[in-house]
Amino acid sequence: MKQTEKIKSKTKRILIKKCHICGTLMESNSEIKKCEHCGKSFLPCHYFNKVHAKTSQELSNLFAEVDELHEEDLVKGIHVIW
């Protein structure tokens, strides 16, 4: 019997987000901070469960990479991980 090795292929996950103001679809490898079409700023996922940032640098650090997000972190109808 021939043994087969399981090959793990690491695929890059992409976050797709729809702007709730203008409807533009955006893709990124991390949480999107601002709409590229209308300029609407977004909060990170589960913002109120995280520490409230006092400076813009602290707020920027709250945005996660796609690999750190789970389906339950996303707002249904606005986000999807592909």
Protein backbone atom coordinates (compact mmCIF):
# COMPACT_ATOMS: atom_id res chain seq x y z
CA MET A 1 0.00 0.00 0.00
CA LYS A 2 1.35 3.38 -1.02
CA GLN A 3 1.45 6.04 1.64
CA THR A 4 0.34 9.50 0.69
CA GLU A 5 1.50 12.58 2.49
CA LYS A 6 -0.93 15.25 3.36
CA ILE A 7 0.30 18.49 1.89
CA LYS A 8 -0.84 21.59 3.66
CA SER A 9 -1.22 24.45 1.25
CA LYS A 10 -1.48 27.75 3.03
CA THR A 11 -3.79 29.96 1.06
CA LYS A 12 -4.04 33.65 1.71
CA ARG A 13 -7.38 34.65 3.17
CA ILE A 14 -8.99 37.87 1.97
CA LEU A 15 -11.48 40.07 3.81
CA ILE A 16 -14.18 41.50 1.56
CA LYS A 17 -16.09 44.44 3.01
CA LYS A 18 -19.00 46.45 1.64
CA CYS A 19 -19.22 50.10 2.62
CA HIS A 20 -22.57 50.71 4.31
CA ILE A 21 -22.63 54.31 3.01
CA CYS A 22 -21.83 54.06 -0.74
CA GLY A 23 -21.91 50.27 -1.33
CA THR A 24 -18.33 49.97 -2.62
CA LEU A 25 -16.79 46.48 -2.26
CA MET A 26 -13.20 46.39 -0.99
CA GLU A 27 -10.69 43.55 -0.53
CA SER A 28 -7.80 43.44 1.93
CA ASN A 29 -5.52 41.15 3.95
CA SER A 30 -6.39 43.09 7.12
CA GLU A 31 -9.39 44.97 8.47
CA ILE A 32 -10.23 47.94 6.29
CA LYS A 33 -9.91 51.31 8.02
CA LYS A 34 -11.53 53.61 5.44
CA CYS A 35 -13.69 53.33 2.29
CA GLU A 36 -11.54 53.90 -0.77
CA HIS A 37 -14.47 55.52 -2.63
CA CYS A 38 -16.34 57.80 -0.21
CA GLY A 39 -13.72 58.05 2.59
CA LYS A 40 -16.03 56.77 5.38
CA SER A 41 -13.93 55.64 8.36
CA PHE A 42 -14.65 52.23 9.89
CA LEU A 43 -14.17 50.84 13.39
CA PRO A 44 -12.41 47.50 13.94
CA CYS A 45 -14.49 44.34 14.45
CA HIS A 46 -15.68 43.95 18.07
CA TYR A 47 -14.53 47.48 18.85
CA PHE A 48 -16.49 47.69 22.09
CA ASN A 49 -14.99 44.40 23.33
CA LYS A 50 -11.52 45.84 22.86
CA VAL A 51 -9.78 48.55 24.85
CA HIS A 52 -10.97 52.02 23.88
CA ALA A 53 -8.05 53.76 22.24
CA LYS A 54 -7.12 57.27 23.31
CA THR A 55 -4.78 58.08 20.42
CA SER A 56 -4.95 57.47 16.68
CA GLN A 57 -1.93 55.13 16.92
CA GLU A 58 -3.68 52.99 19.57
CA LEU A 59 -6.83 52.90 17.41
CA SER A 60 -4.77 51.80 14.39
CA ASN A 61 -3.35 48.90 16.44
CA LEU A 62 -6.88 47.56 17.13
CA PHE A 63 -7.38 46.57 13.46
CA ALA A 64 -6.64 42.85 13.01
CA GLU A 65 -5.11 40.85 10.18
CA VAL A 66 -7.49 38.50 8.35
CA ASP A 67 -5.78 35.44 9.87
CA GLU A 68 -6.75 36.72 13.34
CA LEU A 69 -10.46 37.07 12.47
CA HIS A 70 -13.16 34.42 12.69
CA GLU A 71 -16.57 34.28 11.03
CA GLU A 72 -18.31 35.16 14.30
CA ASP A 73 -16.26 38.41 14.48
CA LEU A 74 -17.77 39.73 11.25
CA VAL A 75 -20.93 41.74 10.68
CA LYS A 76 -23.21 39.60 8.50
CA GLY A 77 -23.96 41.24 5.15
CA ILE A 78 -21.08 43.70 5.44
CA HIS A 79 -18.01 41.40 5.75
CA VAL A 80 -16.94 38.04 4.36
CA ILE A 81 -13.66 36.12 4.56
CA TRP A 82 -12.85 34.40 1.30
